[in-house]
Amino acid sequence: MSKRRKGARPAQEFLRQHRKAVIDKVAQWTGAQRPLIKTLIETIEERVARLELRADHAREAEHLAELTAYTTALVMTYVTKGKFIQP
């Protein structure tokens, strides 16, 4: 995701569009509860909005793969360590 790029839409909009699919897949692969994953995705949505990030239309498949991988990694850290990020 990038800042201010023509041909791109707000990243928050992109995340909202794919929220359910990402939550479903991450829950399926990790065994984590959907409410936990939903809260994480909503937090990511708020952050990308504050940063005014945008999702390039030509790279949406790449963005979706990155979002899913990042979310899965954070959730697995939470499942194994009890928190999303290690200090």
N, C-alpha and C. Protein backbone atom coordinates (compact mmCIF):
# COMPACT_ATOMS: atom_id res chain seq x y z
N MET A 1 0.84 -1.16 0.00
CA MET A 1 0.00 0.00 0.00
C MET A 1 0.90 1.23 0.00
N SER A 2 0.41 2.25 -0.63
CA SER A 2 1.24 3.42 -0.80
C SER A 2 0.47 4.68 -0.41
N LYS A 3 1.20 5.77 -0.34
CA LYS A 3 0.59 7.07 -0.07
C LYS A 3 0.27 7.73 -1.40
N ARG A 4 -0.84 8.44 -1.47
CA ARG A 4 -1.19 9.33 -2.57
C ARG A 4 -0.78 8.84 -3.96
N ARG A 5 -1.45 7.90 -4.48
CA ARG A 5 -1.12 7.41 -5.79
C ARG A 5 -2.35 7.46 -6.68
N LYS A 6 -2.19 7.93 -7.89
CA LYS A 6 -3.32 7.95 -8.82
C LYS A 6 -3.69 6.52 -9.16
N GLY A 7 -4.97 6.28 -9.39
CA GLY A 7 -5.42 4.92 -9.69
C GLY A 7 -5.50 4.05 -8.45
N ALA A 8 -5.52 4.69 -7.30
CA ALA A 8 -5.58 3.94 -6.05
C ALA A 8 -6.75 4.46 -5.22
N ARG A 9 -7.27 3.57 -4.39
CA ARG A 9 -8.37 3.97 -3.50
C ARG A 9 -7.89 3.89 -2.06
N PRO A 10 -8.63 4.50 -1.15
CA PRO A 10 -8.21 4.42 0.25
C PRO A 10 -8.04 2.97 0.70
N ALA A 11 -6.93 2.70 1.37
CA ALA A 11 -6.65 1.34 1.83
C ALA A 11 -7.72 0.86 2.80
N GLN A 12 -8.27 1.77 3.59
CA GLN A 12 -9.32 1.38 4.53
C GLN A 12 -10.52 0.80 3.79
N GLU A 13 -10.88 1.41 2.67
CA GLU A 13 -11.98 0.90 1.84
C GLU A 13 -11.66 -0.50 1.32
N PHE A 14 -10.43 -0.69 0.85
CA PHE A 14 -9.99 -2.00 0.37
C PHE A 14 -10.09 -3.04 1.48
N LEU A 15 -9.62 -2.68 2.68
CA LEU A 15 -9.67 -3.61 3.80
C LEU A 15 -11.11 -3.98 4.16
N ARG A 16 -11.99 -2.97 4.19
CA ARG A 16 -13.39 -3.24 4.51
C ARG A 16 -14.02 -4.21 3.51
N GLN A 17 -13.69 -4.01 2.23
CA GLN A 17 -14.24 -4.87 1.18
C GLN A 17 -13.85 -6.33 1.40
N HIS A 18 -12.64 -6.56 1.86
CA HIS A 18 -12.12 -7.93 2.00
C HIS A 18 -12.13 -8.44 3.44
N ARG A 19 -12.69 -7.68 4.36
CA ARG A 19 -12.65 -8.02 5.79
C ARG A 19 -13.16 -9.43 6.06
N LYS A 20 -14.36 -9.76 5.61
CA LYS A 20 -14.96 -11.05 5.93
C LYS A 20 -14.12 -12.22 5.41
N ALA A 21 -13.65 -12.10 4.16
CA ALA A 21 -12.85 -13.19 3.59
C ALA A 21 -11.55 -13.39 4.36
N VAL A 22 -10.90 -12.30 4.74
CA VAL A 22 -9.64 -12.40 5.49
C VAL A 22 -9.91 -13.01 6.86
N ILE A 23 -10.94 -12.54 7.54
CA ILE A 23 -11.27 -13.08 8.86
C ILE A 23 -11.56 -14.57 8.76
N ASP A 24 -12.37 -14.96 7.78
CA ASP A 24 -12.72 -16.37 7.62
C ASP A 24 -11.49 -17.24 7.38
N LYS A 25 -10.60 -16.81 6.48
CA LYS A 25 -9.43 -17.62 6.15
C LYS A 25 -8.43 -17.68 7.31
N VAL A 26 -8.20 -16.55 7.96
CA VAL A 26 -7.26 -16.54 9.08
C VAL A 26 -7.80 -17.40 10.22
N ALA A 27 -9.09 -17.33 10.47
CA ALA A 27 -9.70 -18.18 11.51
C ALA A 27 -9.55 -19.66 11.14
N GLN A 28 -9.78 -19.97 9.89
CA GLN A 28 -9.66 -21.36 9.43
C GLN A 28 -8.23 -21.87 9.59
N TRP A 29 -7.24 -21.09 9.22
CA TRP A 29 -5.85 -21.53 9.24
C TRP A 29 -5.22 -21.51 10.62
N THR A 30 -5.68 -20.60 11.49
CA THR A 30 -5.03 -20.46 12.80
C THR A 30 -5.81 -21.09 13.94
N GLY A 31 -7.12 -21.26 13.75
CA GLY A 31 -7.96 -21.76 14.83
C GLY A 31 -8.33 -20.68 15.83
N ALA A 32 -7.92 -19.44 15.56
CA ALA A 32 -8.24 -18.32 16.46
C ALA A 32 -9.71 -17.93 16.30
N GLN A 33 -10.24 -17.31 17.33
CA GLN A 33 -11.63 -16.88 17.32
C GLN A 33 -11.82 -15.68 16.39
N ARG A 34 -12.94 -15.68 15.66
CA ARG A 34 -13.23 -14.59 14.72
C ARG A 34 -13.28 -13.21 15.38
N PRO A 35 -13.85 -13.07 16.59
CA PRO A 35 -13.87 -11.73 17.20
C PRO A 35 -12.47 -11.14 17.41
N LEU A 36 -11.51 -11.98 17.77
CA LEU A 36 -10.13 -11.53 17.94
C LEU A 36 -9.58 -11.02 16.61
N ILE A 37 -9.79 -11.78 15.55
CA ILE A 37 -9.28 -11.41 14.23
C ILE A 37 -10.00 -10.16 13.73
N LYS A 38 -11.29 -10.07 13.96
CA LYS A 38 -12.06 -8.89 13.54
C LYS A 38 -11.53 -7.63 14.23
N THR A 39 -11.26 -7.72 15.51
CA THR A 39 -10.71 -6.58 16.24
C THR A 39 -9.36 -6.17 15.66
N LEU A 40 -8.52 -7.13 15.34
CA LEU A 40 -7.22 -6.85 14.75
C LEU A 40 -7.38 -6.16 13.40
N ILE A 41 -8.24 -6.68 12.54
CA ILE A 41 -8.46 -6.09 11.22
C ILE A 41 -9.00 -4.66 11.36
N GLU A 42 -9.92 -4.45 12.28
CA GLU A 42 -10.45 -3.10 12.49
C GLU A 42 -9.36 -2.14 12.96
N THR A 43 -8.45 -2.62 13.78
CA THR A 43 -7.32 -1.80 14.24
C THR A 43 -6.41 -1.45 13.06
N ILE A 44 -6.17 -2.41 12.20
CA ILE A 44 -5.36 -2.15 11.00
C ILE A 44 -6.07 -1.14 10.10
N GLU A 45 -7.38 -1.28 9.94
CA GLU A 45 -8.16 -0.33 9.14
C GLU A 45 -8.02 1.09 9.67
N GLU A 46 -8.13 1.24 10.98
CA GLU A 46 -8.00 2.57 11.60
C GLU A 46 -6.61 3.15 11.34
N ARG A 47 -5.60 2.31 11.45
CA ARG A 47 -4.22 2.77 11.25
C ARG A 47 -3.97 3.21 9.81
N VAL A 48 -4.41 2.43 8.84
CA VAL A 48 -4.18 2.82 7.44
C VAL A 48 -4.96 4.09 7.10
N ALA A 49 -6.10 4.29 7.74
CA ALA A 49 -6.87 5.52 7.52
C ALA A 49 -6.10 6.72 8.07
N ARG A 50 -5.55 6.58 9.28
CA ARG A 50 -4.77 7.68 9.88
C ARG A 50 -3.55 8.01 9.03
N LEU A 51 -2.94 6.99 8.46
CA LEU A 51 -1.76 7.19 7.63
C LEU A 51 -2.11 7.61 6.20
N GLU A 52 -3.41 7.59 5.89
CA GLU A 52 -3.91 7.94 4.56
C GLU A 52 -3.29 7.07 3.46
N LEU A 53 -3.14 5.77 3.75
CA LEU A 53 -2.59 4.84 2.77
C LEU A 53 -3.63 4.54 1.70
N ARG A 54 -3.14 4.14 0.54
CA ARG A 54 -4.02 3.84 -0.58
C ARG A 54 -3.65 2.47 -1.15
N ALA A 55 -4.62 1.82 -1.76
CA ALA A 55 -4.43 0.51 -2.39
C ALA A 55 -4.48 0.69 -3.90
N ASP A 56 -3.41 0.36 -4.56
CA ASP A 56 -3.29 0.48 -6.01
C ASP A 56 -4.16 -0.60 -6.66
N HIS A 57 -5.04 -0.18 -7.57
CA HIS A 57 -5.94 -1.14 -8.23
C HIS A 57 -5.16 -2.26 -8.93
N ALA A 58 -4.06 -1.92 -9.54
CA ALA A 58 -3.28 -2.91 -10.29
C ALA A 58 -2.59 -3.92 -9.38
N ARG A 59 -2.51 -3.63 -8.10
CA ARG A 59 -1.80 -4.51 -7.17
C ARG A 59 -2.71 -5.07 -6.08
N GLU A 60 -4.03 -5.07 -6.30
CA GLU A 60 -4.96 -5.51 -5.25
C GLU A 60 -4.74 -6.95 -4.82
N ALA A 61 -4.43 -7.84 -5.76
CA ALA A 61 -4.18 -9.24 -5.38
C ALA A 61 -2.97 -9.33 -4.46
N GLU A 62 -1.93 -8.57 -4.77
CA GLU A 62 -0.73 -8.53 -3.94
C GLU A 62 -1.05 -7.96 -2.56
N HIS A 63 -1.83 -6.87 -2.52
CA HIS A 63 -2.22 -6.27 -1.25
C HIS A 63 -3.01 -7.26 -0.40
N LEU A 64 -3.92 -8.00 -1.03
CA LEU A 64 -4.73 -8.97 -0.30
C LEU A 64 -3.87 -10.09 0.28
N ALA A 65 -2.92 -10.57 -0.51
CA ALA A 65 -2.01 -11.62 -0.02
C ALA A 65 -1.18 -11.10 1.16
N GLU A 66 -0.67 -9.87 1.04
CA GLU A 66 0.13 -9.29 2.12
C GLU A 66 -0.70 -9.10 3.38
N LEU A 67 -1.92 -8.59 3.23
CA LEU A 67 -2.80 -8.39 4.38
C LEU A 67 -3.09 -9.70 5.08
N THR A 68 -3.38 -10.73 4.31
CA THR A 68 -3.70 -12.04 4.89
C THR A 68 -2.49 -12.64 5.59
N ALA A 69 -1.33 -12.54 4.98
CA ALA A 69 -0.12 -13.08 5.60
C ALA A 69 0.23 -12.32 6.87
N TYR A 70 0.15 -10.99 6.83
CA TYR A 70 0.46 -10.16 7.99
C TYR A 70 -0.49 -10.46 9.14
N THR A 71 -1.78 -10.52 8.83
CA THR A 71 -2.78 -10.82 9.86
C THR A 71 -2.55 -12.20 10.46
N THR A 72 -2.27 -13.17 9.61
CA THR A 72 -2.01 -14.53 10.09
C THR A 72 -0.79 -14.56 11.02
N ALA A 73 0.27 -13.87 10.63
CA ALA A 73 1.47 -13.83 11.47
C ALA A 73 1.18 -13.20 12.83
N LEU A 74 0.45 -12.08 12.83
CA LEU A 74 0.11 -11.43 14.10
C LEU A 74 -0.77 -12.32 14.97
N VAL A 75 -1.73 -12.98 14.37
CA VAL A 75 -2.63 -13.85 15.13
C VAL A 75 -1.87 -15.04 15.69
N MET A 76 -0.97 -15.63 14.92
CA MET A 76 -0.21 -16.77 15.44
C MET A 76 0.73 -16.34 16.56
N THR A 77 1.27 -15.14 16.49
CA THR A 77 2.07 -14.61 17.59
C THR A 77 1.20 -14.48 18.83
N TYR A 78 -0.02 -13.98 18.65
CA TYR A 78 -0.95 -13.84 19.77
C TYR A 78 -1.30 -15.21 20.36
N VAL A 79 -1.58 -16.18 19.49
CA VAL A 79 -1.96 -17.52 19.94
C VAL A 79 -0.82 -18.17 20.73
N THR A 80 0.41 -18.00 20.28
CA THR A 80 1.53 -18.67 20.94
C THR A 80 2.14 -17.87 22.08
N LYS A 81 2.09 -16.54 22.02
CA LYS A 81 2.75 -15.70 23.02
C LYS A 81 1.81 -14.90 23.91
N GLY A 82 0.53 -14.82 23.53
CA GLY A 82 -0.44 -14.09 24.34
C GLY A 82 -0.52 -12.61 24.04
N LYS A 83 0.23 -12.15 23.04
CA LYS A 83 0.14 -10.76 22.60
C LYS A 83 0.52 -10.70 21.12
N PHE A 84 0.11 -9.61 20.47
CA PHE A 84 0.29 -9.51 19.02
C PHE A 84 1.74 -9.27 18.61
N ILE A 85 2.47 -8.43 19.36
CA ILE A 85 3.83 -8.08 18.97
C ILE A 85 4.74 -8.23 20.18
N GLN A 86 5.89 -8.80 19.96
CA GLN A 86 6.87 -8.95 21.02
C GLN A 86 7.68 -7.67 21.16
N PRO A 87 7.98 -7.23 22.38
CA PRO A 87 8.78 -6.01 22.57
C PRO A 87 10.21 -6.19 22.10
